[in-house]
C-alpha atoms as a PDB file:
ATOM      1  CA  MET A   1      -0.001  -0.020  -0.067  1.00  0.00           C
ATOM      2  CA  PRO A   2       1.447   3.395  -0.911  1.00  0.00           C
ATOM      3  CA  ALA A   3       2.727   5.213   2.154  1.00  0.00           C
ATOM      4  CA  LYS A   4       0.795   8.407   1.241  1.00  0.00           C
ATOM      5  CA  LEU A   5      -2.389   6.375   1.847  1.00  0.00           C
ATOM      6  CA  VAL A   6      -1.632   5.246   5.379  1.00  0.00           C
ATOM      7  CA  GLN A   7      -2.574   8.359   7.089  1.00  0.00           C
ATOM      8  CA  PRO A   8      -6.015   8.874   5.418  1.00  0.00           C
ATOM      9  CA  LEU A   9      -6.847   5.329   5.917  1.00  0.00           C
ATOM     10  CA  ALA A  10      -5.919   5.611   9.765  1.00  0.00           C
ATOM     11  CA  LEU A  11      -8.080   8.608  10.095  1.00  0.00           C
ATOM     12  CA  LEU A  12     -11.138   7.092   8.222  1.00  0.00           C
ATOM     13  CA  HIS A  13     -10.467   3.988  10.559  1.00  0.00           C
ATOM     14  CA  CYS A  14     -10.564   6.173  13.631  1.00  0.00           C
ATOM     15  CA  MET A  15     -13.602   8.036  12.427  1.00  0.00           C
ATOM     16  CA  PHE A  16     -15.366   4.638  11.944  1.00  0.00           C
ATOM     17  CA  ASP A  17     -14.405   3.624  15.565  1.00  0.00           C
ATOM     18  CA  ILE A  18     -15.615   6.981  17.022  1.00  0.00           C
ATOM     19  CA  GLN A  19     -18.996   6.574  14.988  1.00  0.00           C
ATOM     20  CA  ILE A  20     -19.263   3.076  16.634  1.00  0.00           C
ATOM     21  CA  MET A  21     -18.493   4.511  20.060  1.00  0.00           C
ATOM     22  CA  ARG A  22     -21.305   7.078  19.608  1.00  0.00           C
ATOM     23  CA  GLN A  23     -23.798   4.178  18.928  1.00  0.00           C
ATOM     24  CA  VAL A  24     -22.527   2.414  22.116  1.00  0.00           C
ATOM     25  CA  ASN A  25     -24.834   2.747  25.393  1.00  0.00           C
ATOM     26  CA  LEU A  26     -22.426   4.562  27.722  1.00  0.00           C
ATOM     27  CA  ARG A  27     -24.263   3.481  30.525  1.00  0.00           C
ATOM     28  CA  GLY A  28     -22.392  -0.085  29.755  1.00  0.00           C
ATOM     29  CA  VAL A  29     -19.124   1.489  29.290  1.00  0.00           C
ATOM     30  CA  ASP A  30     -16.511   2.011  32.067  1.00  0.00           C
ATOM     31  CA  LEU A  31     -15.218   5.516  31.286  1.00  0.00           C
ATOM     32  CA  ASN A  32     -12.443   5.028  33.524  1.00  0.00           C
ATOM     33  CA  LEU A  33     -10.929   2.994  30.605  1.00  0.00           C
ATOM     34  CA  LEU A  34     -10.339   6.268  28.761  1.00  0.00           C
ATOM     35  CA  VAL A  35      -7.930   7.406  31.537  1.00  0.00           C
ATOM     36  CA  LEU A  36      -5.974   4.085  31.192  1.00  0.00           C
ATOM     37  CA  LEU A  37      -5.908   4.427  27.449  1.00  0.00           C
ATOM     38  CA  ASP A  38      -4.358   7.681  27.695  1.00  0.00           C
ATOM     39  CA  LEU A  39      -1.595   6.362  30.017  1.00  0.00           C
ATOM     40  CA  LEU A  40      -0.965   3.315  27.629  1.00  0.00           C
ATOM     41  CA  ILE A  41      -0.645   5.594  24.395  1.00  0.00           C
ATOM     42  CA  GLU A  42       1.584   8.044  26.472  1.00  0.00           C
ATOM     43  CA  HIS A  43       4.007   5.476  28.020  1.00  0.00           C
ATOM     44  CA  ARG A  44       3.801   2.775  25.355  1.00  0.00           C
ATOM     45  CA  SER A  45       4.206   0.222  28.116  1.00  0.00           C
ATOM     46  CA  VAL A  46       1.587  -1.932  30.068  1.00  0.00           C
ATOM     47  CA  THR A  47       4.078  -1.888  32.996  1.00  0.00           C
ATOM     48  CA  ALA A  48       4.872   1.771  33.019  1.00  0.00           C
ATOM     49  CA  ALA A  49       1.251   2.651  32.598  1.00  0.00           C
ATOM     50  CA  ALA A  50       0.086   0.557  35.480  1.00  0.00           C
ATOM     51  CA  GLN A  51       2.724   2.093  37.707  1.00  0.00           C
ATOM     52  CA  ALA A  52       1.400   5.532  36.698  1.00  0.00           C
ATOM     53  CA  ALA A  53      -2.101   4.500  37.511  1.00  0.00           C
ATOM     54  CA  ASN A  54      -1.140   2.928  40.665  1.00  0.00           C
ATOM     55  CA  MET A  55      -2.424  -0.515  39.707  1.00  0.00           C
ATOM     56  CA  SER A  56      -1.016  -3.943  39.097  1.00  0.00           C
ATOM     57  CA  GLN A  57       0.435  -5.146  35.572  1.00  0.00           C
ATOM     58  CA  PRO A  58      -2.178  -7.715  35.235  1.00  0.00           C
ATOM     59  CA  ALA A  59      -5.058  -5.323  35.790  1.00  0.00           C
ATOM     60  CA  MET A  60      -3.631  -2.842  33.349  1.00  0.00           C
ATOM     61  CA  SER A  61      -3.310  -5.957  30.701  1.00  0.00           C
ATOM     62  CA  ARG A  62      -7.005  -6.687  31.285  1.00  0.00           C
ATOM     63  CA  ALA A  63      -7.936  -3.113  30.805  1.00  0.00           C
ATOM     64  CA  LEU A  64      -6.058  -3.027  27.485  1.00  0.00           C
ATOM     65  CA  GLY A  65      -8.033  -6.346  26.439  1.00  0.00           C
ATOM     66  CA  ARG A  66     -11.252  -4.481  27.362  1.00  0.00           C
ATOM     67  CA  LEU A  67     -10.417  -1.247  25.306  1.00  0.00           C
ATOM     68  CA  ARG A  68      -9.381  -3.406  22.395  1.00  0.00           C
ATOM     69  CA  ALA A  69     -12.742  -4.985  22.325  1.00  0.00           C
ATOM     70  CA  LEU A  70     -14.548  -1.731  22.986  1.00  0.00           C
ATOM     71  CA  LEU A  71     -12.596   0.318  20.148  1.00  0.00           C
ATOM     72  CA  ARG A  72     -12.227  -2.877  17.883  1.00  0.00           C
ATOM     73  CA  ASP A  73      -8.510  -2.082  17.251  1.00  0.00           C
ATOM     74  CA  PRO A  74      -5.237  -3.511  18.935  1.00  0.00           C
ATOM     75  CA  LEU A  75      -4.283  -0.021  20.102  1.00  0.00           C
ATOM     76  CA  LEU A  76      -0.881  -1.081  21.020  1.00  0.00           C
ATOM     77  CA  ALA A  77       1.347  -3.708  19.121  1.00  0.00           C
ATOM     78  CA  ARG A  78       4.958  -4.973  19.712  1.00  0.00           C
ATOM     79  CA  GLY A  79       7.629  -3.009  17.872  1.00  0.00           C
ATOM     80  CA  SER A  80      11.387  -3.315  17.902  1.00  0.00           C
ATOM     81  CA  GLN A  81      11.781  -1.051  20.933  1.00  0.00           C
ATOM     82  CA  GLY A  82       8.596  -2.323  22.497  1.00  0.00           C
ATOM     83  CA  LEU A  83       4.773  -1.492  22.272  1.00  0.00           C
ATOM     84  CA  VAL A  84       4.011   0.873  19.411  1.00  0.00           C
ATOM     85  CA  PRO A  85       0.490   2.708  19.284  1.00  0.00           C
ATOM     86  CA  THR A  86      -1.425   1.878  16.043  1.00  0.00           C
ATOM     87  CA  PRO A  87      -2.545   4.669  13.789  1.00  0.00           C
ATOM     88  CA  ALA A  88      -6.195   4.374  15.266  1.00  0.00           C
ATOM     89  CA  ALA A  89      -4.634   4.981  18.690  1.00  0.00           C
ATOM     90  CA  LEU A  90      -2.555   7.888  17.631  1.00  0.00           C
ATOM     91  CA  ALA A  91      -5.594   9.567  15.843  1.00  0.00           C
ATOM     92  CA  LEU A  92      -7.706   9.132  19.094  1.00  0.00           C
ATOM     93  CA  GLN A  93      -5.153  10.906  21.334  1.00  0.00           C
ATOM     94  CA  PRO A  94      -5.927  14.354  20.689  1.00  0.00           C
ATOM     95  CA  ALA A  95      -9.389  13.918  21.159  1.00  0.00           C
ATOM     96  CA  LEU A  96      -8.679  11.798  24.182  1.00  0.00           C
ATOM     97  CA  LYS A  97      -6.734  14.450  25.695  1.00  0.00           C
ATOM     98  CA  ARG A  98      -9.262  17.163  25.100  1.00  0.00           C
ATOM     99  CA  LEU A  99     -12.158  14.881  26.732  1.00  0.00           C
ATOM    100  CA  LEU A 100     -10.159  14.107  29.658  1.00  0.00           C
ATOM    101  CA  GLY A 101      -9.006  17.657  30.178  1.00  0.00           C
ATOM    102  CA  GLU A 102     -12.756  18.777  29.814  1.00  0.00           C
ATOM    103  CA  ALA A 103     -13.984  16.162  32.220  1.00  0.00           C
ATOM    104  CA  ALA A 104     -11.290  17.018  34.961  1.00  0.00           C
ATOM    105  CA  GLU A 105     -12.433  20.594  34.569  1.00  0.00           C
ATOM    106  CA  LEU A 106     -16.105  19.639  35.046  1.00  0.00           C
ATOM    107  CA  VAL A 107     -15.485  17.821  38.332  1.00  0.00           C
ATOM    108  CA  ALA A 108     -12.904  20.306  39.588  1.00  0.00           C
ATOM    109  CA  ARG A 109     -14.201  22.959  41.990  1.00  0.00           C
ATOM    110  CA  ARG A 110     -13.598  26.012  40.229  1.00  0.00           C
ATOM    111  CA  ARG A 111     -12.350  29.141  41.887  1.00  0.00           C
ATOM    112  CA  PHE A 112     -14.906  31.751  41.912  1.00  0.00           C
ATOM    113  CA  ASP A 113     -13.922  35.405  41.157  1.00  0.00           C
ATOM    114  CA  PRO A 114     -16.789  37.772  41.707  1.00  0.00           C
ATOM    115  CA  ALA A 115     -15.293  40.511  39.492  1.00  0.00           C
ATOM    116  CA  SER A 116     -15.960  38.310  36.437  1.00  0.00           C
ATOM    117  CA  TRP A 117     -19.408  37.048  37.496  1.00  0.00           C
ATOM    118  CA  ARG A 118     -21.553  38.112  34.565  1.00  0.00           C
ATOM    119  CA  GLY A 119     -25.304  37.327  34.988  1.00  0.00           C
ATOM    120  CA  GLN A 120     -28.522  38.161  37.024  1.00  0.00           C
ATOM    121  CA  ILE A 121     -29.552  37.026  40.575  1.00  0.00           C
ATOM    122  CA  GLY A 122     -33.016  37.723  41.825  1.00  0.00           C
ATOM    123  CA  ILE A 123     -33.938  38.753  45.302  1.00  0.00           C
ATOM    124  CA  ALA A 124     -37.410  38.656  46.848  1.00  0.00           C
ATOM    125  CA  ALA A 125     -37.496  41.414  49.567  1.00  0.00           C
ATOM    126  CA  THR A 126     -39.804  43.650  51.460  1.00  0.00           C
ATOM    127  CA  ASP A 127     -38.960  47.330  52.012  1.00  0.00           C
ATOM    128  CA  HIS A 128     -37.650  46.507  55.190  1.00  0.00           C
ATOM    129  CA  GLN A 129     -34.561  44.669  53.811  1.00  0.00           C
ATOM    130  CA  THR A 130     -34.519  46.916  50.680  1.00  0.00           C
ATOM    131  CA  ILE A 131     -34.139  50.039  53.055  1.00  0.00           C
ATOM    132  CA  LEU A 132     -31.730  48.623  55.564  1.00  0.00           C
ATOM    133  CA  LEU A 133     -29.597  46.211  53.586  1.00  0.00           C
ATOM    134  CA  LEU A 134     -29.889  47.090  49.952  1.00  0.00           C
ATOM    135  CA  PRO A 135     -27.870  50.212  50.002  1.00  0.00           C
ATOM    136  CA  ARG A 136     -24.976  48.621  52.017  1.00  0.00           C
ATOM    137  CA  LEU A 137     -25.227  45.423  49.912  1.00  0.00           C
ATOM    138  CA  MET A 138     -25.044  47.205  46.454  1.00  0.00           C
ATOM    139  CA  ARG A 139     -22.123  49.381  47.533  1.00  0.00           C
ATOM    140  CA  ARG A 140     -20.182  46.129  47.935  1.00  0.00           C
ATOM    141  CA  VAL A 141     -21.620  44.428  44.696  1.00  0.00           C
ATOM    142  CA  SER A 142     -20.874  47.545  42.493  1.00  0.00           C
ATOM    143  CA  ARG A 143     -17.270  47.478  43.693  1.00  0.00           C
ATOM    144  CA  GLU A 144     -16.516  43.616  43.852  1.00  0.00           C
ATOM    145  CA  ALA A 145     -18.919  42.229  41.265  1.00  0.00           C
ATOM    146  CA  PRO A 146     -19.313  45.073  38.736  1.00  0.00           C
ATOM    147  CA  LEU A 147     -20.911  42.857  35.907  1.00  0.00           C
ATOM    148  CA  LEU A 148     -23.543  41.370  38.100  1.00  0.00           C
ATOM    149  CA  GLU A 149     -27.224  42.520  37.861  1.00  0.00           C
ATOM    150  CA  VAL A 150     -29.228  42.404  41.037  1.00  0.00           C
ATOM    151  CA  LYS A 151     -33.028  42.118  40.539  1.00  0.00           C
ATOM    152  CA  VAL A 152     -35.195  42.735  43.641  1.00  0.00           C
ATOM    153  CA  VAL A 153     -38.935  42.082  43.441  1.00  0.00           C
ATOM    154  CA  PRO A 154     -41.636  42.433  46.246  1.00  0.00           C
ATOM    155  CA  PHE A 155     -41.939  39.243  48.300  1.00  0.00           C
ATOM    156  CA  LEU A 156     -45.228  37.330  47.393  1.00  0.00           C
ATOM    157  CA  ALA A 157     -46.317  33.835  48.800  1.00  0.00           C
ATOM    158  CA  SER A 158     -46.433  32.679  45.195  1.00  0.00           C
ATOM    159  CA  MET A 159     -42.758  33.232  44.797  1.00  0.00           C
ATOM    160  CA  LEU A 160     -41.871  30.384  47.090  1.00  0.00           C
ATOM    161  CA  ASP A 161     -41.827  28.097  43.907  1.00  0.00           C
ATOM    162  CA  GLU A 162     -39.570  30.227  42.066  1.00  0.00           C
ATOM    163  CA  LEU A 163     -37.227  30.472  45.191  1.00  0.00           C
ATOM    164  CA  ARG A 164     -37.346  26.712  45.740  1.00  0.00           C
ATOM    165  CA  ASP A 165     -36.437  26.069  41.974  1.00  0.00           C
ATOM    166  CA  GLY A 166     -33.634  28.552  42.024  1.00  0.00           C
ATOM    167  CA  ARG A 167     -35.232  31.235  39.817  1.00  0.00           C
ATOM    168  CA  LEU A 168     -34.792  33.556  42.722  1.00  0.00           C
ATOM    169  CA  GLY A 169     -31.498  33.354  44.722  1.00  0.00           C
ATOM    170  CA  LEU A 170     -32.263  34.825  48.167  1.00  0.00           C
ATOM    171  CA  THR A 171     -35.036  36.109  50.344  1.00  0.00           C
ATOM    172  CA  PHE A 172     -35.408  37.083  54.058  1.00  0.00           C
ATOM    173  CA  GLY A 173     -37.464  35.848  56.885  1.00  0.00           C
ATOM    174  CA  ILE A 174     -37.734  35.211  60.599  1.00  0.00           C
ATOM    175  CA  LEU A 175     -35.808  32.407  62.074  1.00  0.00           C
ATOM    176  CA  GLU A 176     -38.589  31.557  64.587  1.00  0.00           C
ATOM    177  CA  GLN A 177     -41.268  30.773  61.940  1.00  0.00           C
ATOM    178  CA  ALA A 178     -41.453  27.458  60.042  1.00  0.00           C
ATOM    179  CA  LEU A 179     -39.432  27.081  56.700  1.00  0.00           C
ATOM    180  CA  PRO A 180     -41.057  25.199  53.776  1.00  0.00           C
ATOM    181  CA  PRO A 181     -39.005  21.980  52.632  1.00  0.00           C
ATOM    182  CA  GLY A 182     -36.441  22.895  49.859  1.00  0.00           C
ATOM    183  CA  LEU A 183     -35.033  25.992  51.652  1.00  0.00           C
ATOM    184  CA  ARG A 184     -32.271  26.883  53.782  1.00  0.00           C
ATOM    185  CA  ARG A 185     -31.806  29.884  56.132  1.00  0.00           C
ATOM    186  CA  GLU A 186     -29.168  31.494  58.430  1.00  0.00           C
ATOM    187  CA  ALA A 187     -29.544  33.920  61.227  1.00  0.00           C
ATOM    188  CA  LEU A 188     -28.448  37.550  60.428  1.00  0.00           C
ATOM    189  CA  TYR A 189     -29.147  39.534  63.672  1.00  0.00           C
ATOM    190  CA  ARG A 190     -31.685  40.064  66.589  1.00  0.00           C
ATOM    191  CA  ASP A 191     -34.449  42.716  66.637  1.00  0.00           C
ATOM    192  CA  ASP A 192     -37.414  43.966  68.655  1.00  0.00           C
ATOM    193  CA  PHE A 193     -40.295  46.231  68.225  1.00  0.00           C
ATOM    194  CA  VAL A 194     -40.834  50.127  68.962  1.00  0.00           C
ATOM    195  CA  THR A 195     -43.956  52.020  68.345  1.00  0.00           C
ATOM    196  CA  VAL A 196     -43.719  55.285  66.300  1.00  0.00           C
ATOM    197  CA  LEU A 197     -46.019  58.280  66.402  1.00  0.00           C
ATOM    198  CA  ARG A 198     -45.718  61.832  65.228  1.00  0.00           C
ATOM    199  CA  ALA A 199     -43.959  64.387  67.485  1.00  0.00           C
ATOM    200  CA  GLY A 200     -46.919  66.163  69.484  1.00  0.00           C
ATOM    201  CA  HIS A 201     -49.140  63.365  69.334  1.00  0.00           C
ATOM    202  CA  PRO A 202     -51.789  63.414  72.309  1.00  0.00           C
ATOM    203  CA  ALA A 203     -50.871  60.144  73.300  1.00  0.00           C
ATOM    204  CA  LEU A 204     -47.284  61.119  74.262  1.00  0.00           C
ATOM    205  CA  GLU A 205     -48.920  62.602  77.529  1.00  0.00           C
ATOM    206  CA  ASP A 206     -50.520  59.229  78.488  1.00  0.00           C
ATOM    207  CA  TRP A 207     -48.512  56.226  77.215  1.00  0.00           C
ATOM    208  CA  SER A 208     -50.464  53.696  78.978  1.00  0.00           C
ATOM    209  CA  LEU A 209     -51.657  50.101  77.764  1.00  0.00           C
ATOM    210  CA  GLU A 210     -55.210  51.363  77.912  1.00  0.00           C
ATOM    211  CA  ARG A 211     -54.618  54.385  75.665  1.00  0.00           C
ATOM    212  CA  PHE A 212     -52.406  52.386  73.370  1.00  0.00           C
ATOM    213  CA  VAL A 213     -55.197  50.043  72.544  1.00  0.00           C
ATOM    214  CA  ALA A 214     -57.637  52.904  72.101  1.00  0.00           C
ATOM    215  CA  LEU A 215     -55.499  54.400  69.255  1.00  0.00           C
ATOM    216  CA  GLU A 216     -55.925  53.790  65.621  1.00  0.00           C
ATOM    217  CA  HIS A 217     -52.975  51.450  64.287  1.00  0.00           C
ATOM    218  CA  VAL A 218     -51.415  50.940  61.055  1.00  0.00           C
ATOM    219  CA  LEU A 219     -50.580  47.148  60.367  1.00  0.00           C
ATOM    220  CA  VAL A 220     -47.635  46.357  58.151  1.00  0.00           C
ATOM    221  CA  THR A 221     -48.564  43.044  56.571  1.00  0.00           C
ATOM    222  CA  VAL A 222     -46.311  42.023  53.594  1.00  0.00           C
ATOM    223  CA  LEU A 223     -48.999  39.537  52.239  1.00  0.00           C
ATOM    224  CA  GLY A 224     -51.871  41.852  53.030  1.00  0.00           C
ATOM    225  CA  GLU A 225     -53.536  39.444  55.628  1.00  0.00           C
ATOM    226  CA  GLY A 226     -53.031  38.076  59.090  1.00  0.00           C
ATOM    227  CA  ARG A 227     -52.217  39.829  62.228  1.00  0.00           C
ATOM    228  CA  GLY A 228     -49.088  41.386  63.636  1.00  0.00           C
ATOM    229  CA  ALA A 229     -46.961  40.231  66.609  1.00  0.00           C
ATOM    230  CA  ILE A 230     -48.519  43.008  68.770  1.00  0.00           C
ATOM    231  CA  ASP A 231     -51.759  41.565  68.342  1.00  0.00           C
ATOM    232  CA  SER A 232     -50.719  38.050  69.686  1.00  0.00           C
ATOM    233  CA  ALA A 233     -49.188  39.839  72.732  1.00  0.00           C
ATOM    234  CA  LEU A 234     -52.675  41.741  73.122  1.00  0.00           C
ATOM    235  CA  ARG A 235     -54.671  38.630  72.632  1.00  0.00           C
ATOM    236  CA  GLU A 236     -52.906  37.043  75.675  1.00  0.00           C
ATOM    237  CA  ARG A 237     -54.356  39.898  77.813  1.00  0.00           C
ATOM    238  CA  GLY A 238     -57.680  39.509  76.397  1.00  0.00           C
ATOM    239  CA  LEU A 239     -57.302  42.830  74.506  1.00  0.00           C
ATOM    240  CA  ALA A 240     -57.535  43.801  70.953  1.00  0.00           C
ATOM    241  CA  ARG A 241     -56.540  46.884  69.058  1.00  0.00           C
ATOM    242  CA  HIS A 242     -58.148  48.701  66.186  1.00  0.00           C
ATOM    243  CA  VAL A 243     -56.472  48.515  62.945  1.00  0.00           C
ATOM    244  CA  ALA A 244     -57.242  51.439  60.608  1.00  0.00           C
ATOM    245  CA  LEU A 245     -54.735  50.779  57.877  1.00  0.00           C
ATOM    246  CA  ARG A 246     -53.010  47.859  56.423  1.00  0.00           C
ATOM    247  CA  LEU A 247     -49.916  48.357  54.318  1.00  0.00           C
ATOM    248  CA  PRO A 248     -47.344  46.009  52.716  1.00  0.00           C
ATOM    249  CA  HIS A 249     -44.473  48.734  53.235  1.00  0.00           C
ATOM    250  CA  PHE A 250     -42.755  49.805  56.304  1.00  0.00           C
ATOM    251  CA  TYR A 251     -41.659  53.352  55.079  1.00  0.00           C
ATOM    252  CA  ALA A 252     -45.075  54.145  53.810  1.00  0.00           C
ATOM    253  CA  ALA A 253     -46.612  53.247  57.033  1.00  0.00           C
ATOM    254  CA  MET A 254     -44.208  55.728  58.835  1.00  0.00           C
ATOM    255  CA  ALA A 255     -45.092  58.442  56.356  1.00  0.00           C
ATOM    256  CA  VAL A 256     -48.629  57.952  56.960  1.00  0.00           C
ATOM    257  CA  VAL A 257     -48.053  58.161  60.764  1.00  0.00           C
ATOM    258  CA  ALA A 258     -45.961  61.396  60.254  1.00  0.00           C
ATOM    259  CA  GLU A 259     -49.149  63.085  58.900  1.00  0.00           C
ATOM    260  CA  SER A 260     -51.976  61.851  61.106  1.00  0.00           C
ATOM    261  CA  ASP A 261     -52.653  60.548  64.719  1.00  0.00           C
ATOM    262  CA  LEU A 262     -52.315  56.831  63.541  1.00  0.00           C
ATOM    263  CA  VAL A 263     -49.389  54.736  65.193  1.00  0.00           C
ATOM    264  CA  VAL A 264     -47.352  51.709  63.925  1.00  0.00           C
ATOM    265  CA  THR A 265     -45.460  49.266  65.632  1.00  0.00           C
ATOM    266  CA  LEU A 266     -42.454  47.957  63.765  1.00  0.00           C
ATOM    267  CA  PRO A 267     -38.930  46.609  64.106  1.00  0.00           C
ATOM    268  CA  ARG A 268     -36.642  48.767  65.784  1.00  0.00           C
ATOM    269  CA  SER A 269     -34.011  48.482  63.141  1.00  0.00           C
ATOM    270  CA  ILE A 270     -36.143  50.300  60.571  1.00  0.00           C
ATOM    271  CA  ALA A 271     -37.309  52.928  63.052  1.00  0.00           C
ATOM    272  CA  VAL A 272     -33.851  53.990  64.195  1.00  0.00           C
ATOM    273  CA  GLY A 273     -32.542  55.128  60.912  1.00  0.00           C
ATOM    274  CA  HIS A 274     -35.617  56.895  59.580  1.00  0.00           C
ATOM    275  CA  ALA A 275     -38.176  57.872  62.128  1.00  0.00           C
ATOM    276  CA  ALA A 276     -36.349  61.052  63.339  1.00  0.00           C
ATOM    277  CA  ALA A 277     -36.174  62.290  59.630  1.00  0.00           C
ATOM    278  CA  LEU A 278     -39.958  62.008  59.472  1.00  0.00           C
ATOM    279  CA  GLY A 279     -40.682  63.801  62.595  1.00  0.00           C
ATOM    280  CA  LEU A 280     -41.597  60.645  64.437  1.00  0.00           C
ATOM    281  CA  VAL A 281     -40.941  59.639  68.162  1.00  0.00           C
ATOM    282  CA  ALA A 282     -40.118  56.078  68.863  1.00  0.00           C
ATOM    283  CA  LEU A 283     -41.515  54.556  72.188  1.00  0.00           C
ATOM    284  CA  GLU A 284     -41.340  51.196  73.694  1.00  0.00           C
ATOM    285  CA  PRO A 285     -44.685  49.557  73.250  1.00  0.00           C
ATOM    286  CA  PRO A 286     -46.730  49.150  76.497  1.00  0.00           C
ATOM    287  CA  LEU A 287     -47.028  45.385  75.782  1.00  0.00           C
ATOM    288  CA  ALA A 288     -43.845  44.490  73.672  1.00  0.00           C
ATOM    289  CA  PRO A 289     -43.933  41.247  71.709  1.00  0.00           C
ATOM    290  CA  PRO A 290     -40.851  39.079  71.929  1.00  0.00           C
ATOM    291  CA  PRO A 291     -37.816  39.932  70.033  1.00  0.00           C
ATOM    292  CA  PHE A 292     -37.343  37.972  66.789  1.00  0.00           C
ATOM    293  CA  THR A 293     -34.389  36.858  64.584  1.00  0.00           C
ATOM    294  CA  ALA A 294     -33.931  37.976  61.059  1.00  0.00           C
ATOM    295  CA  ALA A 295     -32.575  35.520  58.641  1.00  0.00           C
ATOM    296  CA  VAL A 296     -31.498  35.099  55.050  1.00  0.00           C
ATOM    297  CA  ILE A 297     -33.257  32.275  53.026  1.00  0.00           C
ATOM    298  CA  TRP A 298     -32.020  30.390  49.907  1.00  0.00           C
ATOM    299  CA  PRO A 299     -32.816  27.418  47.849  1.00  0.00           C
ATOM    300  CA  ASP A 300     -31.239  23.958  48.454  1.00  0.00           C
ATOM    301  CA  VAL A 301     -30.520  23.909  44.729  1.00  0.00           C
ATOM    302  CA  LEU A 302     -28.265  26.865  45.065  1.00  0.00           C
ATOM    303  CA  ASP A 303     -26.649  26.064  48.436  1.00  0.00           C
ATOM    304  CA  ALA A 304     -23.372  24.945  46.832  1.00  0.00           C
ATOM    305  CA  ASP A 305     -23.453  27.584  43.977  1.00  0.00           C
ATOM    306  CA  PRO A 306     -20.252  29.813  44.629  1.00  0.00           C
ATOM    307  CA  GLY A 307     -22.104  33.042  43.508  1.00  0.00           C
ATOM    308  CA  ASN A 308     -24.937  32.627  45.641  1.00  0.00           C
ATOM    309  CA  ALA A 309     -22.603  31.698  48.633  1.00  0.00           C
ATOM    310  CA  TRP A 310     -20.611  34.744  47.941  1.00  0.00           C
ATOM    311  CA  LEU A 311     -23.665  36.982  48.093  1.00  0.00           C
ATOM    312  CA  ARG A 312     -24.925  35.368  51.152  1.00  0.00           C
ATOM    313  CA  SER A 313     -21.607  36.064  52.673  1.00  0.00           C
ATOM    314  CA  LEU A 314     -22.013  39.873  51.852  1.00  0.00           C
ATOM    315  CA  VAL A 315     -25.503  39.900  53.255  1.00  0.00           C
ATOM    316  CA  ARG A 316     -24.108  38.392  56.501  1.00  0.00           C
ATOM    317  CA  GLU A 317     -21.323  40.989  56.801  1.00  0.00           C
ATOM    318  CA  GLU A 318     -23.441  43.960  56.000  1.00  0.00           C
ATOM    319  CA  ALA A 319     -26.130  42.895  58.317  1.00  0.00           C
ATOM    320  CA  ARG A 320     -23.736  43.102  61.248  1.00  0.00           C
ATOM    321  CA  GLY A 321     -23.645  47.068  60.704  1.00  0.00           C
ATOM    322  CA  ILE A 322     -27.542  47.624  60.933  1.00  0.00           C
ATOM    323  CA  ALA A 323     -28.086  50.290  63.290  1.00  0.00           C
ATOM    324  CA  GLY A 324     -30.604  49.368  66.080  1.00  0.00           C
ATOM    325  CA  ALA A 325     -30.200  45.472  65.385  1.00  0.00           C
ATOM    326  CA  MET A 326     -28.861  43.362  68.304  1.00  0.00           C
ATOM    327  CA  PRO A 327     -25.959  41.039  67.475  1.00  0.00           C
ATOM    328  CA  LEU A 328     -26.551  37.441  67.615  1.00  0.00           C
END
């Protein structure tokens, strides 16, 4: 056969073998054999390849036999100086190196660099978190992950499925409340409640429990239903307050209170930074609900994601600096 035909024929033979491999059910193939094939071609010796693989020479010989049957080629044949790779083996080697390199990269834990993170992450939050945490968080994100887009959406009960599926990356909640399956959480800080009312409010002269119950109250309820922590504390005393207005936003509630005789009981952390600017006075409620623990919540599916873990670490670090919050 003319020498110039050997290489094209070898390549054709190799392509035929690759096509056969594509038709093979990979579930029945030991892919570790490809690692051993790479060593056999590189070392051109069963003994040397076995040493490199930290296995016995007979085990490597058996592996070579399985490879020959799988690829329908001798792969290695005896030559004047030992074993010599066949043309099919040599033709397979570049693709084999590339495949093994990609596989190693696939299973290796990649180093995460926030500066090169290009994408979008969704956060479901109330205005409590957006007012307290978002300015501090975005200062860090803009500096450390400038290519990242953060999308904040209002928290709704219907978004729990989006969170569990990983379509949203983070939300916030209270550690003492039950957590649905498929989610994880971590405590951020402790908080308690204060009642705010406008400066000059008549109730400032008589801040008793009876006067407190008789006032008109604003209730901040994210989902637009349910009762507040103060209602549970009052109910234990056989008391009930009049809720004149329900709102989903804390800042809007304070703005309403600043222009009326209504009062609102809300977390101390949000009152400390904003009540004074609105002309409000913060008082301890006559019957205080127990403190609570704010928590960051994320889905199981993103627990090991390096980007999500990095963002959680930023939330955790920035939460430590919230004025009025109590450390854990």
